[in-house]
C-alpha atoms as a PDB file:
ATOM      1  CA  MET A   1      -4.082  29.853  -8.699  1.00  0.00           C
ATOM      2  CA  GLY A   2      -4.986  26.243  -9.190  1.00  0.00           C
ATOM      3  CA  GLU A   3      -3.716  23.260  -7.298  1.00  0.00           C
ATOM      4  CA  VAL A   4      -2.079  20.424  -9.173  1.00  0.00           C
ATOM      5  CA  ALA A   5      -1.854  17.511  -6.766  1.00  0.00           C
ATOM      6  CA  VAL A   6      -3.070  16.120  -3.472  1.00  0.00           C
ATOM      7  CA  LEU A   7      -0.681  14.261  -1.181  1.00  0.00           C
ATOM      8  CA  HIS A   8      -1.426  11.926   1.694  1.00  0.00           C
ATOM      9  CA  SER A   9       0.964  11.033   4.465  1.00  0.00           C
ATOM     10  CA  GLU A  10       1.074   7.611   6.021  1.00  0.00           C
ATOM     11  CA  PRO A  11       0.107  10.346   7.708  1.00  0.00           C
ATOM     12  CA  LEU A  12      -0.357   3.953  -2.757  1.00  0.00           C
ATOM     13  CA  HIS A  13      -0.601  -0.094  -4.126  1.00  0.00           C
ATOM     14  CA  PHE A  14       2.466  -2.260  -4.385  1.00  0.00           C
ATOM     15  CA  GLU A  15       3.655  -5.770  -3.645  1.00  0.00           C
ATOM     16  CA  CYS A  16       6.508  -6.036  -1.192  1.00  0.00           C
ATOM     17  CA  ASN A  17       8.336  -9.199  -0.235  1.00  0.00           C
ATOM     18  CA  ASP A  18      10.339  -7.393   2.436  1.00  0.00           C
ATOM     19  CA  THR A  19       9.151  -8.640   5.841  1.00  0.00           C
ATOM     20  CA  LYS A  20       9.628  -5.161   7.239  1.00  0.00           C
ATOM     21  CA  HIS A  21       6.542  -3.937   5.372  1.00  0.00           C
ATOM     22  CA  MET A  22       3.832  -6.544   5.175  1.00  0.00           C
ATOM     23  CA  ILE A  23       0.175  -7.223   5.571  1.00  0.00           C
ATOM     24  CA  GLU A  24      -1.236 -10.126   7.557  1.00  0.00           C
ATOM     25  CA  GLU A  25      -1.485 -12.468   4.547  1.00  0.00           C
ATOM     26  CA  ASP A  26       2.239 -11.969   3.794  1.00  0.00           C
ATOM     27  CA  ALA A  27       3.232 -12.907   7.345  1.00  0.00           C
ATOM     28  CA  TYR A  28       1.110 -16.089   7.354  1.00  0.00           C
ATOM     29  CA  PRO A  29       1.077 -17.707   3.896  1.00  0.00           C
ATOM     30  CA  PRO A  30      -1.034 -20.886   3.604  1.00  0.00           C
ATOM     31  CA  LYS A  31       0.850 -24.084   4.413  1.00  0.00           C
ATOM     32  CA  SER A  32      -0.022 -27.664   3.633  1.00  0.00           C
ATOM     33  CA  ASN A  33       0.197 -30.495   6.166  1.00  0.00           C
ATOM     34  CA  PRO A  34       0.590 -33.959   4.574  1.00  0.00           C
ATOM     35  CA  GLU A  35      -0.312 -35.672   7.853  1.00  0.00           C
ATOM     36  CA  SER A  36      -3.606 -33.863   8.382  1.00  0.00           C
ATOM     37  CA  PHE A  37      -6.921 -35.600   7.854  1.00  0.00           C
ATOM     38  CA  PRO A  38      -9.465 -34.409   5.274  1.00  0.00           C
ATOM     39  CA  GLY A  39     -11.073 -31.222   6.516  1.00  0.00           C
ATOM     40  CA  GLU A  40      -8.610 -30.825   9.409  1.00  0.00           C
ATOM     41  CA  GLU A  41      -6.335 -28.374   7.565  1.00  0.00           C
ATOM     42  CA  SER A  42      -9.182 -26.059   6.603  1.00  0.00           C
ATOM     43  CA  SER A  43     -10.493 -26.195  10.176  1.00  0.00           C
ATOM     44  CA  GLN A  44      -7.083 -25.257  11.595  1.00  0.00           C
ATOM     45  CA  SER A  45      -6.797 -22.430   9.069  1.00  0.00           C
ATOM     46  CA  ILE A  46     -10.200 -21.071  10.047  1.00  0.00           C
ATOM     47  CA  ASN A  47      -9.332 -21.223  13.760  1.00  0.00           C
ATOM     48  CA  LYS A  48      -6.037 -19.400  13.166  1.00  0.00           C
ATOM     49  CA  ASN A  49      -7.751 -16.717  11.101  1.00  0.00           C
ATOM     50  CA  ASP A  50     -10.452 -16.315  13.744  1.00  0.00           C
ATOM     51  CA  LEU A  51      -7.755 -15.851  16.390  1.00  0.00           C
ATOM     52  CA  GLN A  52      -5.811 -13.297  14.362  1.00  0.00           C
ATOM     53  CA  ASP A  53      -8.981 -11.367  13.505  1.00  0.00           C
ATOM     54  CA  LYS A  54     -10.208 -11.225  17.100  1.00  0.00           C
ATOM     55  CA  GLY A  55     -10.998  -7.651  18.081  1.00  0.00           C
ATOM     56  CA  TYR A  56     -10.572  -6.391  14.509  1.00  0.00           C
ATOM     57  CA  MET A  57     -11.577  -2.695  14.232  1.00  0.00           C
ATOM     58  CA  GLU A  58     -12.643  -2.683  17.904  1.00  0.00           C
ATOM     59  CA  TYR A  59      -9.504  -1.040  19.291  1.00  0.00           C
ATOM     60  CA  GLY A  60      -7.451   2.042  18.581  1.00  0.00           C
ATOM     61  CA  CYS A  61      -7.923   5.793  18.651  1.00  0.00           C
ATOM     62  CA  GLN A  62      -9.144   8.627  16.470  1.00  0.00           C
ATOM     63  CA  HIS A  63      -6.017   8.335  14.349  1.00  0.00           C
ATOM     64  CA  TYR A  64      -5.691   4.561  13.801  1.00  0.00           C
ATOM     65  CA  ARG A  65      -7.653   1.364  14.301  1.00  0.00           C
ATOM     66  CA  ARG A  66      -5.161  -1.095  15.782  1.00  0.00           C
ATOM     67  CA  ARG A  67      -4.916  -3.771  18.451  1.00  0.00           C
ATOM     68  CA  CYS A  68      -1.896  -2.527  20.345  1.00  0.00           C
ATOM     69  CA  ARG A  69      -0.570   0.491  22.186  1.00  0.00           C
ATOM     70  CA  ILE A  70       2.996   1.784  22.099  1.00  0.00           C
ATOM     71  CA  ARG A  71       5.467   2.695  24.812  1.00  0.00           C
ATOM     72  CA  ALA A  72       7.049   6.039  23.992  1.00  0.00           C
ATOM     73  CA  PRO A  73      10.861   5.737  24.023  1.00  0.00           C
ATOM     74  CA  CYS A  74      11.187   9.420  24.930  1.00  0.00           C
ATOM     75  CA  CYS A  75       9.113   9.526  28.135  1.00  0.00           C
ATOM     76  CA  ASN A  76       8.437   5.812  28.769  1.00  0.00           C
ATOM     77  CA  GLU A  77       4.670   6.404  28.830  1.00  0.00           C
ATOM     78  CA  ILE A  78       2.035   4.353  26.980  1.00  0.00           C
ATOM     79  CA  PHE A  79      -0.142   5.825  24.216  1.00  0.00           C
ATOM     80  CA  ASP A  80      -2.493   4.548  21.526  1.00  0.00           C
ATOM     81  CA  CYS A  81      -0.276   6.032  18.799  1.00  0.00           C
ATOM     82  CA  ARG A  82       2.421   8.659  18.227  1.00  0.00           C
ATOM     83  CA  HIS A  83      -0.180  11.267  17.283  1.00  0.00           C
ATOM     84  CA  CYS A  84      -1.923  10.780  20.625  1.00  0.00           C
ATOM     85  CA  HIS A  85       1.452  11.202  22.313  1.00  0.00           C
ATOM     86  CA  ASN A  86       2.342  14.342  20.360  1.00  0.00           C
ATOM     87  CA  GLU A  87      -1.028  15.953  21.033  1.00  0.00           C
ATOM     88  CA  ALA A  88      -0.763  15.250  24.763  1.00  0.00           C
ATOM     89  CA  LYS A  89       2.881  16.268  25.134  1.00  0.00           C
ATOM     90  CA  ASN A  90       2.525  19.466  23.104  1.00  0.00           C
ATOM     91  CA  ASP A  91      -0.670  20.644  24.741  1.00  0.00           C
ATOM     92  CA  ILE A  92      -0.784  24.303  25.685  1.00  0.00           C
ATOM     93  CA  ASN A  93      -0.989  23.307  29.362  1.00  0.00           C
ATOM     94  CA  VAL A  94       2.324  21.433  29.210  1.00  0.00           C
ATOM     95  CA  ASP A  95       5.429  23.339  30.249  1.00  0.00           C
ATOM     96  CA  TYR A  96       7.212  24.470  27.093  1.00  0.00           C
ATOM     97  CA  LYS A  97      10.470  22.865  28.274  1.00  0.00           C
ATOM     98  CA  HIS A  98       8.789  19.467  28.471  1.00  0.00           C
ATOM     99  CA  ARG A  99       7.021  19.530  25.101  1.00  0.00           C
ATOM    100  CA  HIS A 100       8.280  17.023  22.554  1.00  0.00           C
ATOM    101  CA  ASP A 101       7.326  14.661  19.719  1.00  0.00           C
ATOM    102  CA  MET A 102       7.765  10.913  19.735  1.00  0.00           C
ATOM    103  CA  PRO A 103      10.659   9.603  17.608  1.00  0.00           C
ATOM    104  CA  ARG A 104       8.625   6.970  15.785  1.00  0.00           C
ATOM    105  CA  HIS A 105      11.578   4.938  14.524  1.00  0.00           C
ATOM    106  CA  GLN A 106      12.890   4.464  18.070  1.00  0.00           C
ATOM    107  CA  VAL A 107       9.806   2.665  19.412  1.00  0.00           C
ATOM    108  CA  LYS A 108      10.911  -0.667  20.892  1.00  0.00           C
ATOM    109  CA  LYS A 109       7.897  -1.925  22.859  1.00  0.00           C
ATOM    110  CA  VAL A 110       4.191  -2.392  22.121  1.00  0.00           C
ATOM    111  CA  ILE A 111       1.372  -3.635  24.339  1.00  0.00           C
ATOM    112  CA  CYS A 112      -1.301  -5.983  22.986  1.00  0.00           C
ATOM    113  CA  SER A 113      -4.742  -4.419  23.461  1.00  0.00           C
ATOM    114  CA  LEU A 114      -6.394  -7.806  23.950  1.00  0.00           C
ATOM    115  CA  CYS A 115      -4.154  -9.560  26.492  1.00  0.00           C
ATOM    116  CA  GLY A 116      -2.002  -6.672  27.743  1.00  0.00           C
ATOM    117  CA  THR A 117       1.311  -8.380  26.976  1.00  0.00           C
ATOM    118  CA  GLU A 118       4.214  -5.979  26.464  1.00  0.00           C
ATOM    119  CA  GLN A 119       6.642  -7.165  23.803  1.00  0.00           C
ATOM    120  CA  GLU A 120       9.092  -6.256  21.068  1.00  0.00           C
ATOM    121  CA  VAL A 121       7.724  -4.600  17.930  1.00  0.00           C
ATOM    122  CA  GLN A 122       6.142  -7.283  15.715  1.00  0.00           C
ATOM    123  CA  GLN A 123       2.891  -7.841  13.836  1.00  0.00           C
ATOM    124  CA  ASN A 124       1.406 -10.670  15.913  1.00  0.00           C
ATOM    125  CA  CYS A 125       1.165 -10.896  19.689  1.00  0.00           C
ATOM    126  CA  ILE A 126       3.606 -13.422  21.178  1.00  0.00           C
ATOM    127  CA  ASN A 127       1.059 -14.358  23.866  1.00  0.00           C
ATOM    128  CA  CYS A 128      -2.443 -14.523  22.367  1.00  0.00           C
ATOM    129  CA  GLY A 129      -1.426 -14.655  18.694  1.00  0.00           C
ATOM    130  CA  VAL A 130      -3.733 -11.846  17.564  1.00  0.00           C
ATOM    131  CA  CYS A 131      -2.713  -9.725  14.585  1.00  0.00           C
ATOM    132  CA  MET A 132      -2.145  -6.268  16.071  1.00  0.00           C
ATOM    133  CA  GLY A 133      -2.402  -4.532  12.698  1.00  0.00           C
ATOM    134  CA  LYS A 134      -3.456  -5.708   9.237  1.00  0.00           C
ATOM    135  CA  TYR A 135      -0.906  -3.289   7.827  1.00  0.00           C
ATOM    136  CA  PHE A 136       2.438  -3.366   9.600  1.00  0.00           C
ATOM    137  CA  CYS A 137       5.688  -1.517   8.953  1.00  0.00           C
ATOM    138  CA  GLU A 138       8.612  -2.580  11.107  1.00  0.00           C
ATOM    139  CA  THR A 139      10.639   0.493  10.104  1.00  0.00           C
ATOM    140  CA  CYS A 140       8.008   3.064  11.107  1.00  0.00           C
ATOM    141  CA  LYS A 141       6.541   0.880  13.874  1.00  0.00           C
ATOM    142  CA  LEU A 142       3.180   1.519  12.225  1.00  0.00           C
ATOM    143  CA  TYR A 143       0.120  -0.653  12.852  1.00  0.00           C
ATOM    144  CA  ASP A 144      -3.199  -0.077  11.088  1.00  0.00           C
ATOM    145  CA  ASP A 145      -6.290  -2.286  10.918  1.00  0.00           C
ATOM    146  CA  ASP A 146      -8.175   0.062   8.621  1.00  0.00           C
ATOM    147  CA  VAL A 147      -7.480  -1.567   5.258  1.00  0.00           C
ATOM    148  CA  SER A 148     -11.107  -1.541   4.091  1.00  0.00           C
ATOM    149  CA  ILE A 149     -10.310   0.237   0.809  1.00  0.00           C
ATOM    150  CA  ASN A 150      -7.189  -1.678  -0.185  1.00  0.00           C
ATOM    151  CA  PRO A 151      -4.796  -3.479   2.166  1.00  0.00           C
ATOM    152  CA  LEU A 152      -1.908  -2.603  -0.152  1.00  0.00           C
ATOM    153  CA  ASN A 153      -2.583   1.114  -0.628  1.00  0.00           C
ATOM    154  CA  LYS A 154      -0.186   1.943   2.202  1.00  0.00           C
ATOM    155  CA  TYR A 155       3.510   1.780   1.416  1.00  0.00           C
ATOM    156  CA  HIS A 156       6.850   2.695   2.943  1.00  0.00           C
ATOM    157  CA  CYS A 157       8.934   5.250   1.030  1.00  0.00           C
ATOM    158  CA  ASN A 158      12.638   4.862   1.685  1.00  0.00           C
ATOM    159  CA  GLY A 159      13.255   8.390   0.407  1.00  0.00           C
ATOM    160  CA  CYS A 160      10.770   9.958   2.807  1.00  0.00           C
ATOM    161  CA  GLY A 161      11.629   7.469   5.541  1.00  0.00           C
ATOM    162  CA  ILE A 162       7.939   7.093   6.476  1.00  0.00           C
ATOM    163  CA  CYS A 163       4.794   5.291   5.327  1.00  0.00           C
ATOM    164  CA  ARG A 164       2.324   6.929   2.973  1.00  0.00           C
ATOM    165  CA  THR A 165      -1.000   6.041   1.353  1.00  0.00           C
ATOM    166  CA  GLY A 166      -2.320   6.095  -2.189  1.00  0.00           C
ATOM    167  CA  GLY A 167      -0.525   3.232  -3.956  1.00  0.00           C
ATOM    168  CA  HIS A 168       3.214   3.099  -4.635  1.00  0.00           C
ATOM    169  CA  GLU A 169       2.676   2.963  -8.390  1.00  0.00           C
ATOM    170  CA  ASN A 170       0.787   6.259  -8.274  1.00  0.00           C
ATOM    171  CA  PHE A 171       3.602   8.269  -6.673  1.00  0.00           C
ATOM    172  CA  PHE A 172       7.297   8.998  -7.122  1.00  0.00           C
ATOM    173  CA  HIS A 173       9.845  10.447  -4.723  1.00  0.00           C
ATOM    174  CA  CYS A 174      11.427  13.748  -5.752  1.00  0.00           C
ATOM    175  CA  ASN A 175      14.852  13.997  -4.140  1.00  0.00           C
ATOM    176  CA  LYS A 176      15.046  17.775  -4.450  1.00  0.00           C
ATOM    177  CA  CYS A 177      11.570  18.447  -3.037  1.00  0.00           C
ATOM    178  CA  GLY A 178      12.166  15.674  -0.498  1.00  0.00           C
ATOM    179  CA  CYS A 179       8.718  14.126  -0.774  1.00  0.00           C
ATOM    180  CA  CYS A 180       6.450  11.790  -2.729  1.00  0.00           C
ATOM    181  CA  TYR A 181       4.414  13.436  -5.487  1.00  0.00           C
ATOM    182  CA  SER A 182       1.799  12.127  -7.902  1.00  0.00           C
ATOM    183  CA  THR A 183       3.260  10.506 -11.036  1.00  0.00           C
ATOM    184  CA  LEU A 184       1.217  13.099 -12.973  1.00  0.00           C
ATOM    185  CA  LEU A 185       3.776  15.675 -11.812  1.00  0.00           C
ATOM    186  CA  LYS A 186       6.908  13.648 -12.520  1.00  0.00           C
ATOM    187  CA  ASN A 187       8.035  15.699 -15.531  1.00  0.00           C
ATOM    188  CA  SER A 188       6.067  18.866 -14.968  1.00  0.00           C
ATOM    189  CA  HIS A 189       6.215  20.051 -11.345  1.00  0.00           C
ATOM    190  CA  SER A 190       8.286  22.986 -10.169  1.00  0.00           C
ATOM    191  CA  CYS A 191      10.997  21.730  -7.819  1.00  0.00           C
ATOM    192  CA  VAL A 192      11.413  23.644  -4.583  1.00  0.00           C
ATOM    193  CA  GLU A 193      14.170  22.558  -2.205  1.00  0.00           C
ATOM    194  CA  GLY A 194      12.518  20.804   0.755  1.00  0.00           C
ATOM    195  CA  ALA A 195       9.057  21.863  -0.450  1.00  0.00           C
ATOM    196  CA  MET A 196       7.280  19.690   2.106  1.00  0.00           C
ATOM    197  CA  HIS A 197       9.689  20.173   4.986  1.00  0.00           C
ATOM    198  CA  HIS A 198       8.064  23.217   6.534  1.00  0.00           C
ATOM    199  CA  ASP A 199       4.887  24.256   8.328  1.00  0.00           C
ATOM    200  CA  CYS A 200       1.641  25.050   6.562  1.00  0.00           C
ATOM    201  CA  PRO A 201       1.654  28.852   6.096  1.00  0.00           C
ATOM    202  CA  VAL A 202      -1.901  29.033   7.445  1.00  0.00           C
ATOM    203  CA  CYS A 203      -2.264  26.584  10.363  1.00  0.00           C
ATOM    204  CA  PHE A 204       1.495  26.008  10.993  1.00  0.00           C
ATOM    205  CA  GLU A 205       1.241  22.201  11.083  1.00  0.00           C
ATOM    206  CA  TYR A 206       4.358  20.445   9.781  1.00  0.00           C
ATOM    207  CA  LEU A 207       3.331  19.407   6.263  1.00  0.00           C
ATOM    208  CA  PHE A 208       5.792  16.553   5.731  1.00  0.00           C
ATOM    209  CA  GLU A 209       4.137  14.377   8.390  1.00  0.00           C
ATOM    210  CA  SER A 210       0.615  15.801   8.155  1.00  0.00           C
ATOM    211  CA  ARG A 211      -2.265  13.340   7.848  1.00  0.00           C
ATOM    212  CA  ASN A 212      -4.372  15.991   6.105  1.00  0.00           C
ATOM    213  CA  ASP A 213      -4.425  16.481   2.328  1.00  0.00           C
ATOM    214  CA  VAL A 214      -1.665  18.719   1.000  1.00  0.00           C
ATOM    215  CA  ILE A 215      -1.813  20.723  -2.233  1.00  0.00           C
ATOM    216  CA  VAL A 216       1.200  21.343  -4.471  1.00  0.00           C
ATOM    217  CA  MET A 217       0.807  24.729  -6.118  1.00  0.00           C
ATOM    218  CA  PRO A 218       2.001  25.437  -9.690  1.00  0.00           C
ATOM    219  CA  CYS A 219       4.857  27.470  -8.163  1.00  0.00           C
ATOM    220  CA  GLY A 220       6.028  24.377  -6.270  1.00  0.00           C
ATOM    221  CA  HIS A 221       5.027  25.560  -2.791  1.00  0.00           C
ATOM    222  CA  THR A 222       2.758  23.424  -0.635  1.00  0.00           C
ATOM    223  CA  ILE A 223      -0.197  24.109   1.646  1.00  0.00           C
ATOM    224  CA  HIS A 224      -3.034  22.168   3.280  1.00  0.00           C
ATOM    225  CA  LYS A 225      -5.942  21.717   0.893  1.00  0.00           C
ATOM    226  CA  SER A 226      -8.439  22.666   3.615  1.00  0.00           C
ATOM    227  CA  CYS A 227      -6.431  25.773   4.519  1.00  0.00           C
ATOM    228  CA  LEU A 228      -6.296  26.888   0.892  1.00  0.00           C
ATOM    229  CA  ASN A 229     -10.049  26.402   0.539  1.00  0.00           C
ATOM    230  CA  GLU A 230     -10.628  28.400   3.703  1.00  0.00           C
ATOM    231  CA  MET A 231      -8.500  31.234   2.380  1.00  0.00           C
ATOM    232  CA  ARG A 232     -10.523  31.224  -0.824  1.00  0.00           C
ATOM    233  CA  GLU A 233     -13.719  31.579   1.164  1.00  0.00           C
ATOM    234  CA  HIS A 234     -12.395  34.548   3.125  1.00  0.00           C
ATOM    235  CA  PHE A 235     -10.546  36.143   0.213  1.00  0.00           C
ATOM    236  CA  PRO A 236     -12.483  35.622  -3.059  1.00  0.00           C
ATOM    237  CA  PHE A 237     -10.291  35.449  -6.132  1.00  0.00           C
ATOM    238  CA  SER A 238     -10.247  39.127  -6.834  1.00  0.00           C
ATOM    239  CA  LEU A 239      -6.898  40.736  -7.581  1.00  0.00           C
ATOM    240  CA  GLN A 240      -6.543  41.606  -3.900  1.00  0.00           C
ATOM    241  CA  GLY A 241      -7.376  38.037  -2.861  1.00  0.00           C
ATOM    242  CA  LYS A 242      -4.715  36.649  -5.160  1.00  0.00           C
ATOM    243  CA  ARG A 243      -2.170  39.068  -3.717  1.00  0.00           C
ATOM    244  CA  ILE A 244      -2.954  38.006  -0.152  1.00  0.00           C
ATOM    245  CA  ILE A 245      -2.621  34.296  -0.944  1.00  0.00           C
ATOM    246  CA  GLY A 246       0.546  35.008  -2.898  1.00  0.00           C
ATOM    247  CA  ARG A 247       2.059  36.787   0.104  1.00  0.00           C
ATOM    248  CA  VAL A 248       1.197  33.854   2.400  1.00  0.00           C
ATOM    249  CA  LEU A 249       2.766  31.292   0.076  1.00  0.00           C
ATOM    250  CA  GLY A 250       5.757  33.568  -0.450  1.00  0.00           C
ATOM    251  CA  LYS A 251       6.608  33.347   3.244  1.00  0.00           C
ATOM    252  CA  ILE A 252       7.380  29.635   2.984  1.00  0.00           C
END
């Protein structure tokens, strides 16, 4: 039973002129000043870049490198990111009645990590001017400074309603499966209604928003790549092992 694709959420390369999904260079294109003296324009540009890059990769959490924190609209508390919120609010020690996830699209306020100014969702701090995230999506309220591989490999999928990684030109959105798949599968994958909108059959994490790699099986079902590998280690691919894995995937 071989896997056919690996998906990445949030948690692909494309150029976007929509200000809702931009990187720092899109928000601040170079401008010329006819009244500036020789050398003055380049000096001002360097100073502005130095200001925006202040604290770059020095702030954030285990999930994202960013220079802001977010105020959760659900409980009005401040967290480094929605994953930090969800982990804290769904901890086993929290009363079941009070457990909940953060509605990411409803975030209204962020707090600059450098100056502490609370403000509306935007890419640059209104007080100190620092860029709070090299990658910024106004729709998902997503900030991410970790663009070391490619600043454009993150993209917002309107079909999924969230941001993903890997390069927009490398993926397509399947309306029936309800998720982005590799273009290699565009005319060959087995469609399963809402294939990604369920929990991993092994670890029970919701696959659609998982930041871990997800495998699309030839049958169209999905599972975490790490979970599948772990199952293979415990159940070698004998006939019995294949039956066990088949039963697990069949429960989706």
